[in-house]
């Protein structure tokens, strides 16, 4: 009789273990599925990382092009500024036609004693 009880308990334990394994198998399939679960989340995140990497590369290329263009325009502006300064300096030596040329002393800066020290 004790053998029969132990056999029944062993069979019940084996059935419980089989049910537990079946439940774990179903949960694991759902967990790793590509449509839902962690597998799907990993696939989506991987695709997003690739998209962001491509977008970042395009943004870096655009920034480099913009920086190069800005440097070129800055150099042109500085060159034009120097040319305008030279032209303006050259026009100050030309006498006005309506007025006779006056020989005025050039204006000078004089520092007074005790001021600004």
PDB file of N, CA and C in Angstrom:
ATOM      1  N   UNK A   1       0.811  -1.174   0.000  1.00  0.00           N
ATOM      2  CA  UNK A   1       0.000   0.000   0.000  1.00  0.00           C
ATOM      3  C   UNK A   1       0.874   1.264   0.000  1.00  0.00           C
ATOM      4  N   UNK A   2       1.950   1.267   0.738  1.00  0.00           N
ATOM      5  CA  UNK A   2       2.855   2.401   0.783  1.00  0.00           C
ATOM      6  C   UNK A   2       3.490   2.618  -0.583  1.00  0.00           C
ATOM      7  N   UNK A   3       3.740   1.483  -1.262  1.00  0.00           N
ATOM      8  CA  UNK A   3       4.302   1.616  -2.614  1.00  0.00           C
ATOM      9  C   UNK A   3       3.313   2.285  -3.554  1.00  0.00           C
ATOM     10  N   UNK A   4       2.072   1.971  -3.414  1.00  0.00           N
ATOM     11  CA  UNK A   4       1.050   2.532  -4.288  1.00  0.00           C
ATOM     12  C   UNK A   4       0.899   4.034  -4.024  1.00  0.00           C
ATOM     13  N   UNK A   5       0.967   4.436  -2.782  1.00  0.00           N
ATOM     14  CA  UNK A   5       0.859   5.856  -2.435  1.00  0.00           C
ATOM     15  C   UNK A   5       2.077   6.612  -2.978  1.00  0.00           C
ATOM     16  N   UNK A   6       3.234   6.008  -2.837  1.00  0.00           N
ATOM     17  CA  UNK A   6       4.435   6.675  -3.351  1.00  0.00           C
ATOM     18  C   UNK A   6       4.399   6.759  -4.864  1.00  0.00           C
ATOM     19  N   UNK A   7       3.853   5.725  -5.548  1.00  0.00           N
ATOM     20  CA  UNK A   7       3.733   5.775  -7.012  1.00  0.00           C
ATOM     21  C   UNK A   7       2.754   6.864  -7.441  1.00  0.00           C
ATOM     22  N   UNK A   8       1.659   7.016  -6.723  1.00  0.00           N
ATOM     23  CA  UNK A   8       0.673   8.047  -7.044  1.00  0.00           C
ATOM     24  C   UNK A   8       1.286   9.437  -6.831  1.00  0.00           C
ATOM     25  N   UNK A   9       1.983   9.606  -5.708  1.00  0.00           N
ATOM     26  CA  UNK A   9       2.635  10.892  -5.454  1.00  0.00           C
ATOM     27  C   UNK A   9       3.700  11.193  -6.505  1.00  0.00           C
ATOM     28  N   UNK A  10       4.412  10.162  -6.933  1.00  0.00           N
ATOM     29  CA  UNK A  10       5.427  10.339  -7.975  1.00  0.00           C
ATOM     30  C   UNK A  10       4.782  10.745  -9.299  1.00  0.00           C
ATOM     31  N   UNK A  11       3.650  10.139  -9.638  1.00  0.00           N
ATOM     32  CA  UNK A  11       2.927  10.461 -10.876  1.00  0.00           C
ATOM     33  C   UNK A  11       2.372  11.880 -10.806  1.00  0.00           C
ATOM     34  N   UNK A  12       1.823  12.286  -9.651  1.00  0.00           N
ATOM     35  CA  UNK A  12       1.295  13.634  -9.485  1.00  0.00           C
ATOM     36  C   UNK A  12       2.442  14.652  -9.593  1.00  0.00           C
ATOM     37  N   UNK A  13       3.567  14.332  -8.989  1.00  0.00           N
ATOM     38  CA  UNK A  13       4.727  15.219  -9.081  1.00  0.00           C
ATOM     39  C   UNK A  13       5.225  15.347 -10.515  1.00  0.00           C
ATOM     40  N   UNK A  14       5.251  14.217 -11.243  1.00  0.00           N
ATOM     41  CA  UNK A  14       5.691  14.249 -12.639  1.00  0.00           C
ATOM     42  C   UNK A  14       4.721  15.067 -13.484  1.00  0.00           C
ATOM     43  N   UNK A  15       3.405  14.933 -13.263  1.00  0.00           N
ATOM     44  CA  UNK A  15       2.413  15.718 -13.997  1.00  0.00           C
ATOM     45  C   UNK A  15       2.543  17.209 -13.662  1.00  0.00           C
ATOM     46  N   UNK A  16       2.798  17.518 -12.413  1.00  0.00           N
ATOM     47  CA  UNK A  16       2.972  18.918 -12.011  1.00  0.00           C
ATOM     48  C   UNK A  16       4.228  19.485 -12.662  1.00  0.00           C
ATOM     49  N   UNK A  17       5.309  18.709 -12.692  1.00  0.00           N
ATOM     50  CA  UNK A  17       6.535  19.175 -13.334  1.00  0.00           C
ATOM     51  C   UNK A  17       6.316  19.365 -14.832  1.00  0.00           C
ATOM     52  N   UNK A  18       5.556  18.466 -15.459  1.00  0.00           N
ATOM     53  CA  UNK A  18       5.270  18.579 -16.896  1.00  0.00           C
ATOM     54  C   UNK A  18       4.432  19.829 -17.174  1.00  0.00           C
ATOM     55  N   UNK A  19       3.442  20.103 -16.321  1.00  0.00           N
ATOM     56  CA  UNK A  19       2.610  21.297 -16.498  1.00  0.00           C
ATOM     57  C   UNK A  19       3.453  22.555 -16.303  1.00  0.00           C
ATOM     58  N   UNK A  20       4.329  22.531 -15.307  1.00  0.00           N
ATOM     59  CA  UNK A  20       5.201  23.666 -15.057  1.00  0.00           C
ATOM     60  C   UNK A  20       6.133  23.911 -16.240  1.00  0.00           C
ATOM     61  N   UNK A  21       6.703  22.849 -16.800  1.00  0.00           N
ATOM     62  CA  UNK A  21       7.591  22.977 -17.966  1.00  0.00           C
ATOM     63  C   UNK A  21       6.831  23.515 -19.178  1.00  0.00           C
ATOM     64  N   UNK A  22       5.598  23.037 -19.366  1.00  0.00           N
ATOM     65  CA  UNK A  22       4.776  23.525 -20.481  1.00  0.00           C
ATOM     66  C   UNK A  22       4.476  25.015 -20.307  1.00  0.00           C
ATOM     67  N   UNK A  23       4.150  25.427 -19.107  1.00  0.00           N
ATOM     68  CA  UNK A  23       3.885  26.835 -18.822  1.00  0.00           C
ATOM     69  C   UNK A  23       5.138  27.687 -19.060  1.00  0.00           C
ATOM     70  N   UNK A  24       6.272  27.224 -18.600  1.00  0.00           N
ATOM     71  CA  UNK A  24       7.520  27.949 -18.831  1.00  0.00           C
ATOM     72  C   UNK A  24       7.842  28.040 -20.313  1.00  0.00           C
ATOM     73  N   UNK A  25       7.595  26.985 -21.049  1.00  0.00           N
ATOM     74  CA  UNK A  25       7.863  26.974 -22.487  1.00  0.00           C
ATOM     75  C   UNK A  25       7.006  28.013 -23.203  1.00  0.00           C
ATOM     76  N   UNK A  26       5.727  28.086 -22.852  1.00  0.00           N
ATOM     77  CA  UNK A  26       4.845  29.072 -23.479  1.00  0.00           C
ATOM     78  C   UNK A  26       5.266  30.492 -23.135  1.00  0.00           C
ATOM     79  N   UNK A  27       5.611  30.715 -21.878  1.00  0.00           N
ATOM     80  CA  UNK A  27       6.051  32.054 -21.475  1.00  0.00           C
ATOM     81  C   UNK A  27       7.358  32.450 -22.164  1.00  0.00           C
ATOM     82  N   UNK A  28       8.259  31.502 -22.304  1.00  0.00           N
ATOM     83  CA  UNK A  28       9.525  31.787 -22.950  1.00  0.00           C
ATOM     84  C   UNK A  28       9.325  32.101 -24.430  1.00  0.00           C
ATOM     85  N   UNK A  29       8.408  31.394 -25.087  1.00  0.00           N
ATOM     86  CA  UNK A  29       8.123  31.687 -26.500  1.00  0.00           C
ATOM     87  C   UNK A  29       7.553  33.095 -26.652  1.00  0.00           C
ATOM     88  N   UNK A  30       6.632  33.468 -25.757  1.00  0.00           N
ATOM     89  CA  UNK A  30       6.077  34.811 -25.822  1.00  0.00           C
ATOM     90  C   UNK A  30       7.128  35.864 -25.487  1.00  0.00           C
ATOM     91  N   UNK A  31       7.997  35.554 -24.560  1.00  0.00           N
ATOM     92  CA  UNK A  31       9.044  36.479 -24.140  1.00  0.00           C
ATOM     93  C   UNK A  31      10.026  36.754 -25.284  1.00  0.00           C
ATOM     94  N   UNK A  32      10.363  35.748 -26.047  1.00  0.00           N
ATOM     95  CA  UNK A  32      11.371  35.883 -27.097  1.00  0.00           C
ATOM     96  C   UNK A  32      10.779  36.128 -28.479  1.00  0.00           C
ATOM     97  N   UNK A  33       9.459  36.240 -28.601  1.00  0.00           N
ATOM     98  CA  UNK A  33       8.862  36.422 -29.929  1.00  0.00           C
ATOM     99  C   UNK A  33       9.265  37.767 -30.519  1.00  0.00           C
ATOM    100  N   UNK A  34       9.355  37.832 -31.842  1.00  0.00           N
ATOM    101  CA  UNK A  34       9.765  39.072 -32.499  1.00  0.00           C
ATOM    102  C   UNK A  34       8.612  40.060 -32.622  1.00  0.00           C
ATOM    103  N   UNK A  35       7.395  39.572 -32.587  1.00  0.00           N
ATOM    104  CA  UNK A  35       6.245  40.470 -32.700  1.00  0.00           C
ATOM    105  C   UNK A  35       5.972  41.190 -31.382  1.00  0.00           C
ATOM    106  N   UNK A  36       6.018  40.434 -30.293  1.00  0.00           N
ATOM    107  CA  UNK A  36       5.758  40.997 -28.976  1.00  0.00           C
ATOM    108  C   UNK A  36       6.852  40.537 -28.038  1.00  0.00           C
ATOM    109  N   UNK A  37       6.993  41.207 -26.956  1.00  0.00           N
ATOM    110  CA  UNK A  37       7.962  40.779 -25.961  1.00  0.00           C
ATOM    111  C   UNK A  37       9.314  41.443 -26.137  1.00  0.00           C
ATOM    112  N   UNK A  38      10.295  40.904 -25.457  1.00  0.00           N
ATOM    113  CA  UNK A  38      11.624  41.492 -25.431  1.00  0.00           C
ATOM    114  C   UNK A  38      12.295  41.396 -26.793  1.00  0.00           C
ATOM    115  N   UNK A  39      12.072  40.298 -27.502  1.00  0.00           N
ATOM    116  CA  UNK A  39      12.673  40.154 -28.838  1.00  0.00           C
ATOM    117  C   UNK A  39      12.207  41.246 -29.782  1.00  0.00           C
ATOM    118  N   UNK A  40      10.918  41.552 -29.738  1.00  0.00           N
ATOM    119  CA  UNK A  40      10.387  42.641 -30.565  1.00  0.00           C
ATOM    120  C   UNK A  40      10.941  43.986 -30.149  1.00  0.00           C
ATOM    121  N   UNK A  41      11.048  44.202 -28.852  1.00  0.00           N
ATOM    122  CA  UNK A  41      11.591  45.467 -28.369  1.00  0.00           C
ATOM    123  C   UNK A  41      13.046  45.626 -28.790  1.00  0.00           C
ATOM    124  N   UNK A  42      13.813  44.542 -28.716  1.00  0.00           N
ATOM    125  CA  UNK A  42      15.215  44.608 -29.133  1.00  0.00           C
ATOM    126  C   UNK A  42      15.315  44.886 -30.624  1.00  0.00           C
ATOM    127  N   UNK A  43      14.458  44.255 -31.429  1.00  0.00           N
ATOM    128  CA  UNK A  43      14.483  44.482 -32.875  1.00  0.00           C
ATOM    129  C   UNK A  43      14.134  45.933 -33.206  1.00  0.00           C
ATOM    130  N   UNK A  44      13.120  46.480 -32.532  1.00  0.00           N
ATOM    131  CA  UNK A  44      12.728  47.869 -32.770  1.00  0.00           C
ATOM    132  C   UNK A  44      13.832  48.825 -32.347  1.00  0.00           C
ATOM    133  N   UNK A  45      14.414  48.595 -31.185  1.00  0.00           N
ATOM    134  CA  UNK A  45      15.494  49.460 -30.710  1.00  0.00           C
ATOM    135  C   UNK A  45      16.717  49.385 -31.616  1.00  0.00           C
ATOM    136  N   UNK A  46      17.006  48.208 -32.131  1.00  0.00           N
ATOM    137  CA  UNK A  46      18.141  48.063 -33.041  1.00  0.00           C
ATOM    138  C   UNK A  46      17.907  48.862 -34.323  1.00  0.00           C
ATOM    139  N   UNK A  47      16.697  48.800 -34.850  1.00  0.00           N
ATOM    140  CA  UNK A  47      16.371  49.571 -36.057  1.00  0.00           C
ATOM    141  C   UNK A  47      16.456  51.069 -35.775  1.00  0.00           C
ATOM    142  N   UNK A  48      15.997  51.492 -34.606  1.00  0.00           N
ATOM    143  CA  UNK A  48      16.069  52.911 -34.255  1.00  0.00           C
ATOM    144  C   UNK A  48      17.507  53.380 -34.095  1.00  0.00           C
ATOM    145  N   UNK A  49      18.363  52.536 -33.540  1.00  0.00           N
ATOM    146  CA  UNK A  49      19.770  52.899 -33.394  1.00  0.00           C
ATOM    147  C   UNK A  49      20.413  53.070 -34.771  1.00  0.00           C
ATOM    148  N   UNK A  50      20.100  52.178 -35.701  1.00  0.00           N
ATOM    149  CA  UNK A  50      20.642  52.306 -37.058  1.00  0.00           C
ATOM    150  C   UNK A  50      20.157  53.591 -37.724  1.00  0.00           C
ATOM    151  N   UNK A  51      18.870  53.899 -37.563  1.00  0.00           N
ATOM    152  CA  UNK A  51      18.333  55.149 -38.131  1.00  0.00           C
ATOM    153  C   UNK A  51      19.010  56.371 -37.520  1.00  0.00           C
ATOM    154  N   UNK A  52      19.183  56.359 -36.212  1.00  0.00           N
ATOM    155  CA  UNK A  52      19.833  57.488 -35.548  1.00  0.00           C
ATOM    156  C   UNK A  52      21.295  57.623 -35.967  1.00  0.00           C
ATOM    157  N   UNK A  53      21.959  56.507 -36.190  1.00  0.00           N
ATOM    158  CA  UNK A  53      23.352  56.549 -36.641  1.00  0.00           C
ATOM    159  C   UNK A  53      23.441  57.183 -38.024  1.00  0.00           C
ATOM    160  N   UNK A  54      22.550  56.798 -38.921  1.00  0.00           N
ATOM    161  CA  UNK A  54      22.535  57.392 -40.263  1.00  0.00           C
ATOM    162  C   UNK A  54      22.194  58.878 -40.200  1.00  0.00           C
ATOM    163  N   UNK A  55      21.220  59.240 -39.359  1.00  0.00           N
ATOM    164  CA  UNK A  55      20.842  60.642 -39.221  1.00  0.00           C
ATOM    165  C   UNK A  55      21.992  61.466 -38.656  1.00  0.00           C
ATOM    166  N   UNK A  56      22.692  60.913 -37.674  1.00  0.00           N
ATOM    167  CA  UNK A  56      23.836  61.604 -37.092  1.00  0.00           C
ATOM    168  C   UNK A  56      24.943  61.802 -38.127  1.00  0.00           C
ATOM    169  N   UNK A  57      25.190  60.801 -38.943  1.00  0.00           N
ATOM    170  CA  UNK A  57      26.214  60.929 -39.988  1.00  0.00           C
ATOM    171  C   UNK A  57      25.836  62.030 -40.977  1.00  0.00           C
ATOM    172  N   UNK A  58      24.557  62.073 -41.360  1.00  0.00           N
ATOM    173  CA  UNK A  58      24.111  63.132 -42.275  1.00  0.00           C
ATOM    174  C   UNK A  58      24.231  64.502 -41.622  1.00  0.00           C
ATOM    175  N   UNK A  59      23.897  64.599 -40.347  1.00  0.00           N
ATOM    176  CA  UNK A  59      23.999  65.880 -39.642  1.00  0.00           C
ATOM    177  C   UNK A  59      25.454  66.327 -39.534  1.00  0.00           C
ATOM    178  N   UNK A  60      26.356  65.394 -39.277  1.00  0.00           N
ATOM    179  CA  UNK A  60      27.782  65.739 -39.211  1.00  0.00           C
ATOM    180  C   UNK A  60      28.283  66.240 -40.556  1.00  0.00           C
ATOM    181  N   UNK A  61      27.866  65.564 -41.633  1.00  0.00           N
ATOM    182  CA  UNK A  61      28.271  66.016 -42.969  1.00  0.00           C
ATOM    183  C   UNK A  61      27.733  67.415 -43.255  1.00  0.00           C
ATOM    184  N   UNK A  62      26.470  67.642 -42.910  1.00  0.00           N
ATOM    185  CA  UNK A  62      25.871  68.962 -43.115  1.00  0.00           C
ATOM    186  C   UNK A  62      26.561  70.037 -42.294  1.00  0.00           C
ATOM    187  N   UNK A  63      26.912  69.709 -41.061  1.00  0.00           N
ATOM    188  CA  UNK A  63      27.598  70.680 -40.205  1.00  0.00           C
ATOM    189  C   UNK A  63      28.988  71.004 -40.755  1.00  0.00           C
ATOM    190  N   UNK A  64      29.672  69.997 -41.284  1.00  0.00           N
ATOM    191  CA  UNK A  64      31.006  70.234 -41.847  1.00  0.00           C
ATOM    192  C   UNK A  64      30.901  71.135 -43.080  1.00  0.00           C
ATOM    193  N   UNK A  65      29.918  70.877 -43.931  1.00  0.00           N
ATOM    194  CA  UNK A  65      29.724  71.712 -45.123  1.00  0.00           C
ATOM    195  C   UNK A  65      29.394  73.142 -44.702  1.00  0.00           C
ATOM    196  N   UNK A  66      28.509  73.293 -43.706  1.00  0.00           N
ATOM    197  CA  UNK A  66      28.138  74.630 -43.241  1.00  0.00           C
ATOM    198  C   UNK A  66      29.329  75.354 -42.629  1.00  0.00           C
ATOM    199  N   UNK A  67      30.140  74.642 -41.862  1.00  0.00           N
ATOM    200  CA  UNK A  67      31.313  75.265 -41.250  1.00  0.00           C
ATOM    201  C   UNK A  67      32.309  75.711 -42.318  1.00  0.00           C
ATOM    202  N   UNK A  68      32.520  74.879 -43.332  1.00  0.00           N
ATOM    203  CA  UNK A  68      33.435  75.255 -44.416  1.00  0.00           C
ATOM    204  C   UNK A  68      32.920  76.489 -45.154  1.00  0.00           C
ATOM    205  N   UNK A  69      31.617  76.514 -45.446  1.00  0.00           N
ATOM    206  CA  UNK A  69      31.027  77.656 -46.135  1.00  0.00           C
ATOM    207  C   UNK A  69      31.127  78.911 -45.270  1.00  0.00           C
ATOM    208  N   UNK A  70      30.875  78.772 -43.972  1.00  0.00           N
ATOM    209  CA  UNK A  70      30.967  79.918 -43.065  1.00  0.00           C
ATOM    210  C   UNK A  70      32.397  80.449 -43.009  1.00  0.00           C
ATOM    211  N   UNK A  71      33.388  79.560 -42.963  1.00  0.00           N
ATOM    212  CA  UNK A  71      34.788  80.002 -42.969  1.00  0.00           C
ATOM    213  C   UNK A  71      35.121  80.752 -44.257  1.00  0.00           C
ATOM    214  N   UNK A  72      34.646  80.233 -45.375  1.00  0.00           N
ATOM    215  CA  UNK A  72      34.903  80.882 -46.667  1.00  0.00           C
ATOM    216  C   UNK A  72      34.259  82.266 -46.707  1.00  0.00           C
ATOM    217  N   UNK A  73      33.025  82.374 -46.265  1.00  0.00           N
ATOM    218  CA  UNK A  73      32.335  83.661 -46.261  1.00  0.00           C
ATOM    219  C   UNK A  73      32.996  84.649 -45.297  1.00  0.00           C
ATOM    220  N   UNK A  74      33.473  84.153 -44.157  1.00  0.00           N
ATOM    221  CA  UNK A  74      34.161  85.020 -43.203  1.00  0.00           C
ATOM    222  C   UNK A  74      35.447  85.570 -43.812  1.00  0.00           C
ATOM    223  N   UNK A  75      36.201  84.725 -44.495  1.00  0.00           N
ATOM    224  CA  UNK A  75      37.425  85.186 -45.147  1.00  0.00           C
ATOM    225  C   UNK A  75      37.115  86.238 -46.218  1.00  0.00           C
ATOM    226  N   UNK A  76      36.059  85.996 -46.993  1.00  0.00           N
ATOM    227  CA  UNK A  76      35.676  86.972 -48.018  1.00  0.00           C
ATOM    228  C   UNK A  76      35.261  88.292 -47.380  1.00  0.00           C
ATOM    229  N   UNK A  77      34.525  88.224 -46.268  1.00  0.00           N
ATOM    230  CA  UNK A  77      34.082  89.447 -45.591  1.00  0.00           C
ATOM    231  C   UNK A  77      35.275  90.218 -45.037  1.00  0.00           C
ATOM    232  N   UNK A  78      36.243  89.515 -44.466  1.00  0.00           N
ATOM    233  CA  UNK A  78      37.428  90.196 -43.948  1.00  0.00           C
ATOM    234  C   UNK A  78      38.223  90.848 -45.074  1.00  0.00           C
ATOM    235  N   UNK A  79      38.347  90.168 -46.198  1.00  0.00           N
ATOM    236  CA  UNK A  79      39.066  90.725 -47.349  1.00  0.00           C
ATOM    237  C   UNK A  79      38.347  91.971 -47.868  1.00  0.00           C
ATOM    238  N   UNK A  80      37.029  91.895 -47.979  1.00  0.00           N
ATOM    239  CA  UNK A  80      36.252  93.034 -48.444  1.00  0.00           C
ATOM    240  C   UNK A  80      36.339  94.189 -47.453  1.00  0.00           C
ATOM    241  N   UNK A  81      36.338  93.880 -46.168  1.00  0.00           N
ATOM    242  CA  UNK A  81      36.465  94.915 -45.150  1.00  0.00           C
ATOM    243  C   UNK A  81      37.798  95.643 -45.274  1.00  0.00           C
ATOM    244  N   UNK A  82      38.877  94.887 -45.483  1.00  0.00           N
ATOM    245  CA  UNK A  82      40.188  95.532 -45.660  1.00  0.00           C
ATOM    246  C   UNK A  82      40.198  96.412 -46.908  1.00  0.00           C
ATOM    247  N   UNK A  83      39.585  95.929 -47.983  1.00  0.00           N
ATOM    248  CA  UNK A  83      39.532  96.731 -49.215  1.00  0.00           C
ATOM    249  C   UNK A  83      38.746  98.015 -48.991  1.00  0.00           C
ATOM    250  N   UNK A  84      37.622  97.929 -48.279  1.00  0.00           N
ATOM    251  CA  UNK A  84      36.832  99.126 -47.990  1.00  0.00           C
ATOM    252  C   UNK A  84      37.599 100.103 -47.111  1.00  0.00           C
ATOM    253  N   UNK A  85      38.361  99.583 -46.155  1.00  0.00           N
ATOM    254  CA  UNK A  85      39.168 100.464 -45.317  1.00  0.00           C
ATOM    255  C   UNK A  85      40.205 101.203 -46.158  1.00  0.00           C
ATOM    256  N   UNK A  86      40.848 100.499 -47.082  1.00  0.00           N
ATOM    257  CA  UNK A  86      41.832 101.139 -47.955  1.00  0.00           C
ATOM    258  C   UNK A  86      41.166 102.184 -48.841  1.00  0.00           C
ATOM    259  N   UNK A  87      40.003 101.864 -49.385  1.00  0.00           N
ATOM    260  CA  UNK A  87      39.293 102.812 -50.242  1.00  0.00           C
ATOM    261  C   UNK A  87      38.864 104.046 -49.459  1.00  0.00           C
ATOM    262  N   UNK A  88      38.377 103.846 -48.237  1.00  0.00           N
ATOM    263  CA  UNK A  88      37.966 104.968 -47.405  1.00  0.00           C
ATOM    264  C   UNK A  88      39.162 105.843 -47.037  1.00  0.00           C
ATOM    265  N   UNK A  89      40.275 105.210 -46.722  1.00  0.00           N
ATOM    266  CA  UNK A  89      41.481 105.971 -46.405  1.00  0.00           C
ATOM    267  C   UNK A  89      41.963 106.759 -47.625  1.00  0.00           C
ATOM    268  N   UNK A  90      41.810 106.188 -48.802  1.00  0.00           N
ATOM    269  CA  UNK A  90      42.243 106.874 -50.021  1.00  0.00           C
ATOM    270  C   UNK A  90      41.340 108.064 -50.335  1.00  0.00           C
ATOM    271  N   UNK A  91      40.069 107.991 -50.014  1.00  0.00           N
ATOM    272  CA  UNK A  91      39.158 109.100 -50.319  1.00  0.00           C
ATOM    273  C   UNK A  91      39.371 110.288 -49.387  1.00  0.00           C
ATOM    274  N   UNK A  92      39.976 110.098 -48.248  1.00  0.00           N
ATOM    275  CA  UNK A  92      40.197 111.211 -47.329  1.00  0.00           C
ATOM    276  C   UNK A  92      41.293 112.148 -47.833  1.00  0.00           C
ATOM    277  N   UNK A  93      42.112 111.692 -48.749  1.00  0.00           N
ATOM    278  CA  UNK A  93      43.176 112.533 -49.300  1.00  0.00           C
ATOM    279  C   UNK A  93      42.706 113.358 -50.497  1.00  0.00           C
ATOM    280  N   UNK A  94      41.526 113.087 -51.024  1.00  0.00           N
ATOM    281  CA  UNK A  94      41.027 113.797 -52.200  1.00  0.00           C
ATOM    282  C   UNK A  94      40.377 115.102 -51.752  1.00  0.00           C
ATOM    283  N   UNK A  95      40.783 116.267 -52.312  1.00  0.00           N
ATOM    284  CA  UNK A  95      40.144 117.535 -51.931  1.00  0.00           C
ATOM    285  C   UNK A  95      38.760 117.643 -52.567  1.00  0.00           C
ATOM    286  N   UNK A  96      37.867 118.375 -51.886  1.00  0.00           N
ATOM    287  CA  UNK A  96      36.518 118.614 -52.396  1.00  0.00           C
ATOM    288  C   UNK A  96      36.604 119.683 -53.474  1.00  0.00           C
ATOM    289  N   UNK A  97      35.897 119.539 -54.612  1.00  0.00           N
ATOM    290  CA  UNK A  97      36.016 120.451 -55.751  1.00  0.00           C
ATOM    291  C   UNK A  97      35.401 121.821 -55.476  1.00  0.00           C
ATOM    292  N   UNK A  98      34.331 121.891 -54.698  1.00  0.00           N
ATOM    293  CA  UNK A  98      33.668 123.169 -54.451  1.00  0.00           C
ATOM    294  C   UNK A  98      34.469 124.065 -53.512  1.00  0.00           C
ATOM    295  N   UNK A  99      35.215 123.467 -52.623  1.00  0.00           N
ATOM    296  CA  UNK A  99      35.977 124.243 -51.651  1.00  0.00           C
ATOM    297  C   UNK A  99      37.457 124.159 -52.005  1.00  0.00           C
ATOM    298  N   UNK A 100      38.161 125.240 -51.790  1.00  0.00           N
ATOM    299  CA  UNK A 100      39.612 125.164 -52.003  1.00  0.00           C
ATOM    300  C   UNK A 100      40.242 124.291 -50.927  1.00  0.00           C
ATOM    301  N   UNK A 101      41.320 123.681 -51.302  1.00  0.00           N
ATOM    302  CA  UNK A 101      42.013 122.792 -50.368  1.00  0.00           C
ATOM    303  C   UNK A 101      42.596 123.603 -49.235  1.00  0.00           C
ATOM    304  N   UNK A 102      42.313 123.239 -48.021  1.00  0.00           N
ATOM    305  CA  UNK A 102      42.825 123.936 -46.848  1.00  0.00           C
ATOM    306  C   UNK A 102      43.940 123.085 -46.250  1.00  0.00           C
ATOM    307  N   UNK A 103      44.901 123.748 -45.777  1.00  0.00           N
ATOM    308  CA  UNK A 103      45.987 123.044 -45.117  1.00  0.00           C
ATOM    309  C   UNK A 103      45.731 123.066 -43.620  1.00  0.00           C
ATOM    310  N   UNK A 104      44.955 122.110 -43.142  1.00  0.00           N
ATOM    311  CA  UNK A 104      44.658 122.032 -41.715  1.00  0.00           C
ATOM    312  C   UNK A 104      45.602 121.030 -41.075  1.00  0.00           C
ATOM    313  N   UNK A 105      46.020 121.353 -39.884  1.00  0.00           N
ATOM    314  CA  UNK A 105      46.875 120.370 -39.210  1.00  0.00           C
ATOM    315  C   UNK A 105      46.032 119.131 -38.849  1.00  0.00           C
ATOM    316  N   UNK A 106      46.628 118.011 -38.895  1.00  0.00           N
ATOM    317  CA  UNK A 106      45.852 116.812 -38.538  1.00  0.00           C
ATOM    318  C   UNK A 106      45.471 116.850 -37.059  1.00  0.00           C
ATOM    319  N   UNK A 107      44.308 116.330 -36.755  1.00  0.00           N
ATOM    320  CA  UNK A 107      43.862 116.332 -35.366  1.00  0.00           C
ATOM    321  C   UNK A 107      44.684 115.307 -34.588  1.00  0.00           C
ATOM    322  N   UNK A 108      45.009 115.664 -33.379  1.00  0.00           N
ATOM    323  CA  UNK A 108      45.837 114.788 -32.548  1.00  0.00           C
ATOM    324  C   UNK A 108      45.165 114.578 -31.207  1.00  0.00           C
ATOM    325  N   UNK A 109      45.539 113.502 -30.573  1.00  0.00           N
ATOM    326  CA  UNK A 109      45.024 113.176 -29.258  1.00  0.00           C
ATOM    327  C   UNK A 109      46.010 113.643 -28.221  1.00  0.00           C
ATOM    328  N   UNK A 110      45.531 114.419 -27.257  1.00  0.00           N
ATOM    329  CA  UNK A 110      46.411 114.935 -26.212  1.00  0.00           C
ATOM    330  C   UNK A 110      45.872 114.456 -24.878  1.00  0.00           C
ATOM    331  N   UNK A 111      46.722 113.850 -24.110  1.00  0.00           N
ATOM    332  CA  UNK A 111      46.322 113.364 -22.789  1.00  0.00           C
ATOM    333  C   UNK A 111      46.653 114.454 -21.770  1.00  0.00           C
ATOM    334  N   UNK A 112      45.669 114.809 -20.972  1.00  0.00           N
ATOM    335  CA  UNK A 112      45.903 115.826 -19.945  1.00  0.00           C
ATOM    336  C   UNK A 112      46.461 115.148 -18.699  1.00  0.00           C
ATOM    337  N   UNK A 113      47.226 115.882 -17.984  1.00  0.00           N
ATOM    338  CA  UNK A 113      47.847 115.363 -16.779  1.00  0.00           C
ATOM    339  C   UNK A 113      46.783 114.969 -15.757  1.00  0.00           C
ATOM    340  N   UNK A 114      46.924 113.790 -15.172  1.00  0.00           N
ATOM    341  CA  UNK A 114      46.024 113.344 -14.123  1.00  0.00           C
ATOM    342  C   UNK A 114      44.734 112.724 -14.633  1.00  0.00           C
ATOM    343  N   UNK A 115      44.479 112.745 -15.917  1.00  0.00           N
ATOM    344  CA  UNK A 115      43.230 112.191 -16.431  1.00  0.00           C
ATOM    345  C   UNK A 115      43.435 110.738 -16.827  1.00  0.00           C
ATOM    346  N   UNK A 116      42.605 109.871 -16.352  1.00  0.00           N
ATOM    347  CA  UNK A 116      42.606 108.481 -16.775  1.00  0.00           C
ATOM    348  C   UNK A 116      43.694 107.621 -16.208  1.00  0.00           C
ATOM    349  N   UNK A 117      44.432 108.067 -15.244  1.00  0.00           N
ATOM    350  CA  UNK A 117      45.494 107.232 -14.691  1.00  0.00           C
ATOM    351  C   UNK A 117      45.124 106.594 -13.408  1.00  0.00           C
TER     352      UNK A 117
END
